[in-house]
Amino acid sequence: SIWYFAIGSMMNKVSLSGRKLKPHKSLPAKLPGFRLDFRGELGMAFAAIDPDASMHGVLHLMSAKDMCSLDTLEMTYSRVQGMAEPYEGEPICCTLYTNPTWEEPQ
């Protein structure tokens, strides 16, 4: 299983279920080293790398099969590693989707 840090609609279990994804467990968490941005014409939530920031989201414990499905859904992004801080408990190594080459909005 893999811990996936979700933002935007992917935090919602109903939204995940509509994509046939089922987390084994979910935890609210903070993710240092990233900030929440909104990009594109539709204002999609985006995890921007920022060493001076942190953002909040949900950690989902996903199967390898579901992560393959997510890779397809998030095909315009790259998976990167992070160290999330659940609101309760020890830090958890996780994966999230971002695009490190996406330029800052002007």
PDB file of N, CA and C in Angstrom:
ATOM      1  N   SER A   1       0.834  -1.199   0.000  1.00  0.00           N
ATOM      2  CA  SER A   1       0.000   0.000   0.000  1.00  0.00           C
ATOM      3  C   SER A   1       0.872   1.252   0.000  1.00  0.00           C
ATOM      4  N   ILE A   2       0.311   2.341  -0.506  1.00  0.00           N
ATOM      5  CA  ILE A   2       1.041   3.603  -0.659  1.00  0.00           C
ATOM      6  C   ILE A   2       0.201   4.737  -0.070  1.00  0.00           C
ATOM      7  N   TRP A   3       0.836   5.588   0.719  1.00  0.00           N
ATOM      8  CA  TRP A   3       0.158   6.780   1.215  1.00  0.00           C
ATOM      9  C   TRP A   3       0.182   7.847   0.123  1.00  0.00           C
ATOM     10  N   TYR A   4      -0.993   8.356  -0.217  1.00  0.00           N
ATOM     11  CA  TYR A   4      -1.185   9.370  -1.265  1.00  0.00           C
ATOM     12  C   TYR A   4      -1.715  10.626  -0.602  1.00  0.00           C
ATOM     13  N   PHE A   5      -1.050  11.770  -0.802  1.00  0.00           N
ATOM     14  CA  PHE A   5      -1.509  13.043  -0.266  1.00  0.00           C
ATOM     15  C   PHE A   5      -2.437  13.689  -1.283  1.00  0.00           C
ATOM     16  N   ALA A   6      -3.696  13.842  -0.903  1.00  0.00           N
ATOM     17  CA  ALA A   6      -4.722  14.351  -1.814  1.00  0.00           C
ATOM     18  C   ALA A   6      -5.095  15.792  -1.489  1.00  0.00           C
ATOM     19  N   ILE A   7      -5.393  16.540  -2.558  1.00  0.00           N
ATOM     20  CA  ILE A   7      -5.915  17.900  -2.435  1.00  0.00           C
ATOM     21  C   ILE A   7      -7.133  18.015  -3.356  1.00  0.00           C
ATOM     22  N   GLY A   8      -7.840  19.124  -3.237  1.00  0.00           N
ATOM     23  CA  GLY A   8      -8.985  19.363  -4.112  1.00  0.00           C
ATOM     24  C   GLY A   8     -10.027  18.258  -4.000  1.00  0.00           C
ATOM     25  N   SER A   9     -10.622  17.911  -5.112  1.00  0.00           N
ATOM     26  CA  SER A   9     -11.707  16.921  -5.116  1.00  0.00           C
ATOM     27  C   SER A   9     -11.230  15.536  -4.687  1.00  0.00           C
ATOM     28  N   MET A  10      -9.934  15.273  -4.794  1.00  0.00           N
ATOM     29  CA  MET A  10      -9.422  13.947  -4.440  1.00  0.00           C
ATOM     30  C   MET A  10      -9.382  13.721  -2.923  1.00  0.00           C
ATOM     31  N   MET A  11      -9.698  14.750  -2.130  1.00  0.00           N
ATOM     32  CA  MET A  11      -9.822  14.566  -0.688  1.00  0.00           C
ATOM     33  C   MET A  11     -11.142  13.877  -0.338  1.00  0.00           C
ATOM     34  N   ASN A  12     -12.129  14.020  -1.208  1.00  0.00           N
ATOM     35  CA  ASN A  12     -13.494  13.564  -0.945  1.00  0.00           C
ATOM     36  C   ASN A  12     -13.665  12.092  -1.325  1.00  0.00           C
ATOM     37  N   LYS A  13     -14.065  11.270  -0.365  1.00  0.00           N
ATOM     38  CA  LYS A  13     -14.236   9.837  -0.631  1.00  0.00           C
ATOM     39  C   LYS A  13     -15.314   9.569  -1.680  1.00  0.00           C
ATOM     40  N   VAL A  14     -16.327  10.423  -1.758  1.00  0.00           N
ATOM     41  CA  VAL A  14     -17.375  10.258  -2.779  1.00  0.00           C
ATOM     42  C   VAL A  14     -16.771  10.479  -4.162  1.00  0.00           C
ATOM     43  N   SER A  15     -15.919  11.493  -4.295  1.00  0.00           N
ATOM     44  CA  SER A  15     -15.242  11.749  -5.562  1.00  0.00           C
ATOM     45  C   SER A  15     -14.338  10.582  -5.938  1.00  0.00           C
ATOM     46  N   LEU A  16     -13.624  10.031  -4.967  1.00  0.00           N
ATOM     47  CA  LEU A  16     -12.764   8.869  -5.222  1.00  0.00           C
ATOM     48  C   LEU A  16     -13.599   7.668  -5.650  1.00  0.00           C
ATOM     49  N   SER A  17     -14.695   7.448  -4.971  1.00  0.00           N
ATOM     50  CA  SER A  17     -15.578   6.323  -5.286  1.00  0.00           C
ATOM     51  C   SER A  17     -16.095   6.421  -6.719  1.00  0.00           C
ATOM     52  N   GLY A  18     -16.403   7.639  -7.173  1.00  0.00           N
ATOM     53  CA  GLY A  18     -16.855   7.853  -8.546  1.00  0.00           C
ATOM     54  C   GLY A  18     -15.789   7.503  -9.574  1.00  0.00           C
ATOM     55  N   ARG A  19     -14.553   7.472  -9.127  1.00  0.00           N
ATOM     56  CA  ARG A  19     -13.429   7.089  -9.997  1.00  0.00           C
ATOM     57  C   ARG A  19     -13.000   5.639  -9.732  1.00  0.00           C
ATOM     58  N   LYS A  20     -13.821   4.928  -8.959  1.00  0.00           N
ATOM     59  CA  LYS A  20     -13.570   3.524  -8.602  1.00  0.00           C
ATOM     60  C   LYS A  20     -12.276   3.352  -7.803  1.00  0.00           C
ATOM     61  N   LEU A  21     -11.996   4.321  -6.935  1.00  0.00           N
ATOM     62  CA  LEU A  21     -10.833   4.280  -6.054  1.00  0.00           C
ATOM     63  C   LEU A  21     -11.318   4.158  -4.618  1.00  0.00           C
ATOM     64  N   LYS A  22     -10.683   3.300  -3.839  1.00  0.00           N
ATOM     65  CA  LYS A  22     -11.121   3.098  -2.465  1.00  0.00           C
ATOM     66  C   LYS A  22      -9.936   3.072  -1.509  1.00  0.00           C
ATOM     67  N   PRO A  23      -9.761   4.156  -0.737  1.00  0.00           N
ATOM     68  CA  PRO A  23      -8.668   4.170   0.232  1.00  0.00           C
ATOM     69  C   PRO A  23      -8.928   3.162   1.359  1.00  0.00           C
ATOM     70  N   HIS A  24      -7.836   2.562   1.850  1.00  0.00           N
ATOM     71  CA  HIS A  24      -7.949   1.648   2.990  1.00  0.00           C
ATOM     72  C   HIS A  24      -8.119   2.434   4.285  1.00  0.00           C
ATOM     73  N   LYS A  25      -7.557   3.654   4.300  1.00  0.00           N
ATOM     74  CA  LYS A  25      -7.598   4.516   5.476  1.00  0.00           C
ATOM     75  C   LYS A  25      -7.368   5.942   5.007  1.00  0.00           C
ATOM     76  N   SER A  26      -7.922   6.918   5.731  1.00  0.00           N
ATOM     77  CA  SER A  26      -7.728   8.334   5.379  1.00  0.00           C
ATOM     78  C   SER A  26      -7.466   9.134   6.646  1.00  0.00           C
ATOM     79  N   LEU A  27      -6.533  10.093   6.541  1.00  0.00           N
ATOM     80  CA  LEU A  27      -6.158  10.935   7.678  1.00  0.00           C
ATOM     81  C   LEU A  27      -5.972  12.380   7.224  1.00  0.00           C
ATOM     82  N   PRO A  28      -6.503  13.359   7.970  1.00  0.00           N
ATOM     83  CA  PRO A  28      -6.187  14.752   7.650  1.00  0.00           C
ATOM     84  C   PRO A  28      -4.721  15.006   7.989  1.00  0.00           C
ATOM     85  N   ALA A  29      -4.048  15.825   7.176  1.00  0.00           N
ATOM     86  CA  ALA A  29      -2.615  16.044   7.386  1.00  0.00           C
ATOM     87  C   ALA A  29      -2.160  17.372   6.793  1.00  0.00           C
ATOM     88  N   LYS A  30      -0.983  17.781   7.241  1.00  0.00           N
ATOM     89  CA  LYS A  30      -0.291  18.954   6.709  1.00  0.00           C
ATOM     90  C   LYS A  30       0.929  18.450   5.944  1.00  0.00           C
ATOM     91  N   LEU A  31       1.261  19.134   4.845  1.00  0.00           N
ATOM     92  CA  LEU A  31       2.406  18.749   4.028  1.00  0.00           C
ATOM     93  C   LEU A  31       3.371  19.924   3.892  1.00  0.00           C
ATOM     94  N   PRO A  32       4.475  19.912   4.654  1.00  0.00           N
ATOM     95  CA  PRO A  32       5.473  20.970   4.504  1.00  0.00           C
ATOM     96  C   PRO A  32       6.198  20.855   3.163  1.00  0.00           C
ATOM     97  N   GLY A  33       6.678  22.006   2.660  1.00  0.00           N
ATOM     98  CA  GLY A  33       7.458  22.020   1.430  1.00  0.00           C
ATOM     99  C   GLY A  33       6.638  22.224   0.169  1.00  0.00           C
ATOM    100  N   PHE A  34       5.332  22.413   0.336  1.00  0.00           N
ATOM    101  CA  PHE A  34       4.427  22.632  -0.802  1.00  0.00           C
ATOM    102  C   PHE A  34       3.405  23.690  -0.406  1.00  0.00           C
ATOM    103  N   ARG A  35       2.857  24.364  -1.414  1.00  0.00           N
ATOM    104  CA  ARG A  35       1.749  25.300  -1.174  1.00  0.00           C
ATOM    105  C   ARG A  35       0.628  24.978  -2.158  1.00  0.00           C
ATOM    106  N   LEU A  36      -0.580  25.265  -1.752  1.00  0.00           N
ATOM    107  CA  LEU A  36      -1.749  25.032  -2.597  1.00  0.00           C
ATOM    108  C   LEU A  36      -1.920  26.203  -3.546  1.00  0.00           C
ATOM    109  N   ASP A  37      -1.920  25.917  -4.844  1.00  0.00           N
ATOM    110  CA  ASP A  37      -2.167  26.910  -5.886  1.00  0.00           C
ATOM    111  C   ASP A  37      -3.357  26.437  -6.709  1.00  0.00           C
ATOM    112  N   PHE A  38      -3.864  27.327  -7.515  1.00  0.00           N
ATOM    113  CA  PHE A  38      -4.929  26.966  -8.453  1.00  0.00           C
ATOM    114  C   PHE A  38      -4.454  27.401  -9.830  1.00  0.00           C
ATOM    115  N   ARG A  39      -4.437  26.463 -10.765  1.00  0.00           N
ATOM    116  CA  ARG A  39      -3.856  26.709 -12.085  1.00  0.00           C
ATOM    117  C   ARG A  39      -4.826  26.373 -13.203  1.00  0.00           C
ATOM    118  N   GLY A  40      -4.534  26.920 -14.373  1.00  0.00           N
ATOM    119  CA  GLY A  40      -5.306  26.621 -15.567  1.00  0.00           C
ATOM    120  C   GLY A  40      -6.607  27.390 -15.623  1.00  0.00           C
ATOM    121  N   GLU A  41      -7.282  27.270 -16.744  1.00  0.00           N
ATOM    122  CA  GLU A  41      -8.537  27.986 -16.970  1.00  0.00           C
ATOM    123  C   GLU A  41      -9.634  27.550 -16.009  1.00  0.00           C
ATOM    124  N   LEU A  42      -9.581  26.291 -15.552  1.00  0.00           N
ATOM    125  CA  LEU A  42     -10.608  25.773 -14.651  1.00  0.00           C
ATOM    126  C   LEU A  42     -10.239  25.926 -13.178  1.00  0.00           C
ATOM    127  N   GLY A  43      -9.069  26.478 -12.901  1.00  0.00           N
ATOM    128  CA  GLY A  43      -8.657  26.693 -11.523  1.00  0.00           C
ATOM    129  C   GLY A  43      -8.444  25.414 -10.745  1.00  0.00           C
ATOM    130  N   MET A  44      -7.777  24.446 -11.355  1.00  0.00           N
ATOM    131  CA  MET A  44      -7.544  23.162 -10.702  1.00  0.00           C
ATOM    132  C   MET A  44      -6.553  23.315  -9.553  1.00  0.00           C
ATOM    133  N   ALA A  45      -6.829  22.604  -8.450  1.00  0.00           N
ATOM    134  CA  ALA A  45      -5.912  22.617  -7.312  1.00  0.00           C
ATOM    135  C   ALA A  45      -4.583  22.014  -7.742  1.00  0.00           C
ATOM    136  N   PHE A  46      -3.510  22.615  -7.281  1.00  0.00           N
ATOM    137  CA  PHE A  46      -2.167  22.240  -7.707  1.00  0.00           C
ATOM    138  C   PHE A  46      -1.221  22.339  -6.518  1.00  0.00           C
ATOM    139  N   ALA A  47      -0.395  21.320  -6.308  1.00  0.00           N
ATOM    140  CA  ALA A  47       0.613  21.326  -5.245  1.00  0.00           C
ATOM    141  C   ALA A  47       1.901  21.900  -5.807  1.00  0.00           C
ATOM    142  N   ALA A  48       2.190  23.142  -5.467  1.00  0.00           N
ATOM    143  CA  ALA A  48       3.406  23.807  -5.948  1.00  0.00           C
ATOM    144  C   ALA A  48       4.527  23.595  -4.933  1.00  0.00           C
ATOM    145  N   ILE A  49       5.697  23.215  -5.418  1.00  0.00           N
ATOM    146  CA  ILE A  49       6.853  23.030  -4.539  1.00  0.00           C
ATOM    147  C   ILE A  49       7.269  24.393  -3.992  1.00  0.00           C
ATOM    148  N   ASP A  50       7.331  24.500  -2.658  1.00  0.00           N
ATOM    149  CA  ASP A  50       7.709  25.739  -1.997  1.00  0.00           C
ATOM    150  C   ASP A  50       8.290  25.384  -0.633  1.00  0.00           C
ATOM    151  N   PRO A  51       9.614  25.420  -0.497  1.00  0.00           N
ATOM    152  CA  PRO A  51      10.239  24.999   0.755  1.00  0.00           C
ATOM    153  C   PRO A  51       9.824  25.821   1.974  1.00  0.00           C
ATOM    154  N   ASP A  52       9.287  27.024   1.752  1.00  0.00           N
ATOM    155  CA  ASP A  52       8.903  27.897   2.864  1.00  0.00           C
ATOM    156  C   ASP A  52       7.430  27.804   3.227  1.00  0.00           C
ATOM    157  N   ALA A  53       6.695  26.888   2.604  1.00  0.00           N
ATOM    158  CA  ALA A  53       5.240  26.820   2.818  1.00  0.00           C
ATOM    159  C   ALA A  53       4.825  25.439   3.314  1.00  0.00           C
ATOM    160  N   SER A  54       3.546  25.339   3.597  1.00  0.00           N
ATOM    161  CA  SER A  54       2.924  24.041   3.876  1.00  0.00           C
ATOM    162  C   SER A  54       1.465  24.148   3.464  1.00  0.00           C
ATOM    163  N   MET A  55       0.857  23.004   3.233  1.00  0.00           N
ATOM    164  CA  MET A  55      -0.559  22.986   2.848  1.00  0.00           C
ATOM    165  C   MET A  55      -1.245  21.824   3.549  1.00  0.00           C
ATOM    166  N   HIS A  56      -2.556  21.876   3.586  1.00  0.00           N
ATOM    167  CA  HIS A  56      -3.338  20.844   4.248  1.00  0.00           C
ATOM    168  C   HIS A  56      -4.096  20.034   3.204  1.00  0.00           C
ATOM    169  N   GLY A  57      -4.315  18.773   3.527  1.00  0.00           N
ATOM    170  CA  GLY A  57      -5.040  17.872   2.639  1.00  0.00           C
ATOM    171  C   GLY A  57      -5.385  16.599   3.386  1.00  0.00           C
ATOM    172  N   VAL A  58      -5.547  15.517   2.642  1.00  0.00           N
ATOM    173  CA  VAL A  58      -5.910  14.227   3.233  1.00  0.00           C
ATOM    174  C   VAL A  58      -4.938  13.168   2.727  1.00  0.00           C
ATOM    175  N   LEU A  59      -4.408  12.389   3.647  1.00  0.00           N
ATOM    176  CA  LEU A  59      -3.602  11.223   3.310  1.00  0.00           C
ATOM    177  C   LEU A  59      -4.534  10.042   3.123  1.00  0.00           C
ATOM    178  N   HIS A  60      -4.451   9.393   1.971  1.00  0.00           N
ATOM    179  CA  HIS A  60      -5.224   8.178   1.713  1.00  0.00           C
ATOM    180  C   HIS A  60      -4.241   7.024   1.561  1.00  0.00           C
ATOM    181  N   LEU A  61      -4.499   5.930   2.246  1.00  0.00           N
ATOM    182  CA  LEU A  61      -3.700   4.726   2.067  1.00  0.00           C
ATOM    183  C   LEU A  61      -4.322   3.941   0.914  1.00  0.00           C
ATOM    184  N   MET A  62      -3.595   3.869  -0.211  1.00  0.00           N
ATOM    185  CA  MET A  62      -4.134   3.302  -1.451  1.00  0.00           C
ATOM    186  C   MET A  62      -3.414   2.011  -1.821  1.00  0.00           C
ATOM    187  N   SER A  63      -4.121   1.149  -2.528  1.00  0.00           N
ATOM    188  CA  SER A  63      -3.493  -0.059  -3.072  1.00  0.00           C
ATOM    189  C   SER A  63      -2.613   0.326  -4.253  1.00  0.00           C
ATOM    190  N   ALA A  64      -1.672  -0.551  -4.597  1.00  0.00           N
ATOM    191  CA  ALA A  64      -0.821  -0.310  -5.770  1.00  0.00           C
ATOM    192  C   ALA A  64      -1.681  -0.214  -7.031  1.00  0.00           C
ATOM    193  N   LYS A  65      -2.730  -1.018  -7.114  1.00  0.00           N
ATOM    194  CA  LYS A  65      -3.634  -0.985  -8.278  1.00  0.00           C
ATOM    195  C   LYS A  65      -4.323   0.378  -8.387  1.00  0.00           C
ATOM    196  N   ASP A  66      -4.824   0.887  -7.262  1.00  0.00           N
ATOM    197  CA  ASP A  66      -5.469   2.203  -7.287  1.00  0.00           C
ATOM    198  C   ASP A  66      -4.475   3.304  -7.630  1.00  0.00           C
ATOM    199  N   MET A  67      -3.219   3.160  -7.194  1.00  0.00           N
ATOM    200  CA  MET A  67      -2.213   4.160  -7.553  1.00  0.00           C
ATOM    201  C   MET A  67      -1.937   4.134  -9.057  1.00  0.00           C
ATOM    202  N   CYS A  68      -1.982   2.973  -9.668  1.00  0.00           N
ATOM    203  CA  CYS A  68      -1.828   2.899 -11.130  1.00  0.00           C
ATOM    204  C   CYS A  68      -2.980   3.627 -11.817  1.00  0.00           C
ATOM    205  N   SER A  69      -4.189   3.464 -11.278  1.00  0.00           N
ATOM    206  CA  SER A  69      -5.346   4.187 -11.813  1.00  0.00           C
ATOM    207  C   SER A  69      -5.163   5.688 -11.640  1.00  0.00           C
ATOM    208  N   LEU A  70      -4.665   6.100 -10.478  1.00  0.00           N
ATOM    209  CA  LEU A  70      -4.411   7.526 -10.247  1.00  0.00           C
ATOM    210  C   LEU A  70      -3.349   8.062 -11.201  1.00  0.00           C
ATOM    211  N   ASP A  71      -2.314   7.263 -11.459  1.00  0.00           N
ATOM    212  CA  ASP A  71      -1.286   7.687 -12.413  1.00  0.00           C
ATOM    213  C   ASP A  71      -1.909   8.005 -13.772  1.00  0.00           C
ATOM    214  N   THR A  72      -2.894   7.216 -14.177  1.00  0.00           N
ATOM    215  CA  THR A  72      -3.584   7.460 -15.450  1.00  0.00           C
ATOM    216  C   THR A  72      -4.434   8.729 -15.370  1.00  0.00           C
ATOM    217  N   LEU A  73      -5.165   8.887 -14.265  1.00  0.00           N
ATOM    218  CA  LEU A  73      -6.012  10.075 -14.097  1.00  0.00           C
ATOM    219  C   LEU A  73      -5.181  11.357 -14.032  1.00  0.00           C
ATOM    220  N   GLU A  74      -4.033  11.273 -13.401  1.00  0.00           N
ATOM    221  CA  GLU A  74      -3.177  12.448 -13.182  1.00  0.00           C
ATOM    222  C   GLU A  74      -2.004  12.480 -14.169  1.00  0.00           C
ATOM    223  N   MET A  75      -2.222  11.998 -15.385  1.00  0.00           N
ATOM    224  CA  MET A  75      -1.135  11.783 -16.338  1.00  0.00           C
ATOM    225  C   MET A  75      -0.366  13.043 -16.728  1.00  0.00           C
ATOM    226  N   THR A  76      -0.918  14.226 -16.506  1.00  0.00           N
ATOM    227  CA  THR A  76      -0.178  15.448 -16.837  1.00  0.00           C
ATOM    228  C   THR A  76       0.749  15.881 -15.696  1.00  0.00           C
ATOM    229  N   TYR A  77       0.716  15.156 -14.583  1.00  0.00           N
ATOM    230  CA  TYR A  77       1.541  15.465 -13.421  1.00  0.00           C
ATOM    231  C   TYR A  77       2.572  14.367 -13.190  1.00  0.00           C
ATOM    232  N   SER A  78       3.539  14.669 -12.351  1.00  0.00           N
ATOM    233  CA  SER A  78       4.541  13.695 -11.938  1.00  0.00           C
ATOM    234  C   SER A  78       4.331  13.374 -10.467  1.00  0.00           C
ATOM    235  N   ARG A  79       4.625  12.136 -10.107  1.00  0.00           N
ATOM    236  CA  ARG A  79       4.583  11.757  -8.703  1.00  0.00           C
ATOM    237  C   ARG A  79       5.877  12.179  -8.027  1.00  0.00           C
ATOM    238  N   VAL A  80       5.775  12.835  -6.885  1.00  0.00           N
ATOM    239  CA  VAL A  80       6.937  13.209  -6.077  1.00  0.00           C
ATOM    240  C   VAL A  80       6.692  12.736  -4.643  1.00  0.00           C
ATOM    241  N   GLN A  81       7.755  12.666  -3.878  1.00  0.00           N
ATOM    242  CA  GLN A  81       7.646  12.237  -2.489  1.00  0.00           C
ATOM    243  C   GLN A  81       7.546  13.436  -1.565  1.00  0.00           C
ATOM    244  N   GLY A  82       6.856  13.234  -0.460  1.00  0.00           N
ATOM    245  CA  GLY A  82       6.750  14.242   0.580  1.00  0.00           C
ATOM    246  C   GLY A  82       6.721  13.564   1.929  1.00  0.00           C
ATOM    247  N   MET A  83       6.799  14.362   2.988  1.00  0.00           N
ATOM    248  CA  MET A  83       6.699  13.852   4.349  1.00  0.00           C
ATOM    249  C   MET A  83       5.553  14.595   5.023  1.00  0.00           C
ATOM    250  N   ALA A  84       4.403  13.927   5.077  1.00  0.00           N
ATOM    251  CA  ALA A  84       3.200  14.542   5.623  1.00  0.00           C
ATOM    252  C   ALA A  84       3.166  14.407   7.142  1.00  0.00           C
ATOM    253  N   GLU A  85       2.497  15.361   7.768  1.00  0.00           N
ATOM    254  CA  GLU A  85       2.325  15.365   9.218  1.00  0.00           C
ATOM    255  C   GLU A  85       0.847  15.221   9.535  1.00  0.00           C
ATOM    256  N   PRO A  86       0.398  13.982   9.837  1.00  0.00           N
ATOM    257  CA  PRO A  86      -1.003  13.816  10.226  1.00  0.00           C
ATOM    258  C   PRO A  86      -1.319  14.688  11.435  1.00  0.00           C
ATOM    259  N   TYR A  87      -2.574  15.107  11.557  1.00  0.00           N
ATOM    260  CA  TYR A  87      -2.959  15.933  12.692  1.00  0.00           C
ATOM    261  C   TYR A  87      -2.705  15.179  14.001  1.00  0.00           C
ATOM    262  N   GLU A  88      -2.797  13.861  13.962  1.00  0.00           N
ATOM    263  CA  GLU A  88      -2.481  13.025  15.120  1.00  0.00           C
ATOM    264  C   GLU A  88      -1.548  11.918  14.658  1.00  0.00           C
ATOM    265  N   GLY A  89      -0.419  11.757  15.321  1.00  0.00           N
ATOM    266  CA  GLY A  89       0.485  10.674  14.979  1.00  0.00           C
ATOM    267  C   GLY A  89       1.799  11.168  14.403  1.00  0.00           C
ATOM    268  N   GLU A  90       2.614  10.204  14.009  1.00  0.00           N
ATOM    269  CA  GLU A  90       3.957  10.451  13.491  1.00  0.00           C
ATOM    270  C   GLU A  90       3.928  10.830  12.011  1.00  0.00           C
ATOM    271  N   PRO A  91       4.970  11.528  11.529  1.00  0.00           N
ATOM    272  CA  PRO A  91       5.062  11.851  10.097  1.00  0.00           C
ATOM    273  C   PRO A  91       5.022  10.587   9.232  1.00  0.00           C
ATOM    274  N   ILE A  92       4.462  10.740   8.032  1.00  0.00           N
ATOM    275  CA  ILE A  92       4.290   9.623   7.103  1.00  0.00           C
ATOM    276  C   ILE A  92       4.857  10.021   5.742  1.00  0.00           C
ATOM    277  N   CYS A  93       5.740   9.169   5.204  1.00  0.00           N
ATOM    278  CA  CYS A  93       6.246   9.365   3.850  1.00  0.00           C
ATOM    279  C   CYS A  93       5.094   9.104   2.882  1.00  0.00           C
ATOM    280  N   CYS A  94       4.911   9.998   1.924  1.00  0.00           N
ATOM    281  CA  CYS A  94       3.774   9.878   1.015  1.00  0.00           C
ATOM    282  C   CYS A  94       4.179  10.257  -0.402  1.00  0.00           C
ATOM    283  N   THR A  95       3.272  10.030  -1.318  1.00  0.00           N
ATOM    284  CA  THR A  95       3.439  10.455  -2.698  1.00  0.00           C
ATOM    285  C   THR A  95       2.340  11.458  -3.016  1.00  0.00           C
ATOM    286  N   LEU A  96       2.647  12.388  -3.912  1.00  0.00           N
ATOM    287  CA  LEU A  96       1.637  13.334  -4.377  1.00  0.00           C
ATOM    288  C   LEU A  96       1.958  13.688  -5.814  1.00  0.00           C
ATOM    289  N   TYR A  97       1.013  14.321  -6.456  1.00  0.00           N
ATOM    290  CA  TYR A  97       1.176  14.695  -7.868  1.00  0.00           C
ATOM    291  C   TYR A  97       1.428  16.194  -7.977  1.00  0.00           C
ATOM    292  N   THR A  98       2.426  16.547  -8.784  1.00  0.00           N
ATOM    293  CA  THR A  98       2.736  17.942  -9.052  1.00  0.00           C
ATOM    294  C   THR A  98       3.398  18.024 -10.422  1.00  0.00           C
ATOM    295  N   ASN A  99       3.673  19.219 -10.845  1.00  0.00           N
ATOM    296  CA  ASN A  99       4.409  19.424 -12.085  1.00  0.00           C
ATOM    297  C   ASN A  99       5.500  20.439 -11.788  1.00  0.00           C
ATOM    298  N   PRO A 100       6.700  19.956 -11.445  1.00  0.00           N
ATOM    299  CA  PRO A 100       7.771  20.876 -11.062  1.00  0.00           C
ATOM    300  C   PRO A 100       8.162  21.866 -12.162  1.00  0.00           C
ATOM    301  N   THR A 101       7.816  21.603 -13.411  1.00  0.00           N
ATOM    302  CA  THR A 101       8.198  22.497 -14.503  1.00  0.00           C
ATOM    303  C   THR A 101       7.116  23.536 -14.809  1.00  0.00           C
ATOM    304  N   TRP A 102       5.966  23.446 -14.148  1.00  0.00           N
ATOM    305  CA  TRP A 102       4.885  24.399 -14.410  1.00  0.00           C
ATOM    306  C   TRP A 102       5.303  25.764 -13.903  1.00  0.00           C
ATOM    307  N   GLU A 103       5.312  26.732 -14.784  1.00  0.00           N
ATOM    308  CA  GLU A 103       5.795  28.064 -14.427  1.00  0.00           C
ATOM    309  C   GLU A 103       4.787  28.793 -13.547  1.00  0.00           C
ATOM    310  N   GLU A 104       5.321  29.708 -12.760  1.00  0.00           N
ATOM    311  CA  GLU A 104       4.486  30.539 -11.904  1.00  0.00           C
ATOM    312  C   GLU A 104       3.542  31.379 -12.761  1.00  0.00           C
ATOM    313  N   PRO A 105       2.290  31.552 -12.291  1.00  0.00           N
ATOM    314  CA  PRO A 105       1.377  32.424 -13.045  1.00  0.00           C
ATOM    315  C   PRO A 105       1.893  33.881 -13.039  1.00  0.00           C
ATOM    316  N   GLN A 106       1.671  34.576 -14.117  1.00  0.00           N
ATOM    317  CA  GLN A 106       2.138  35.964 -14.217  1.00  0.00           C
ATOM    318  C   GLN A 106       1.095  36.911 -13.678  1.00  0.00           C
TER     319      GLN A 106
END
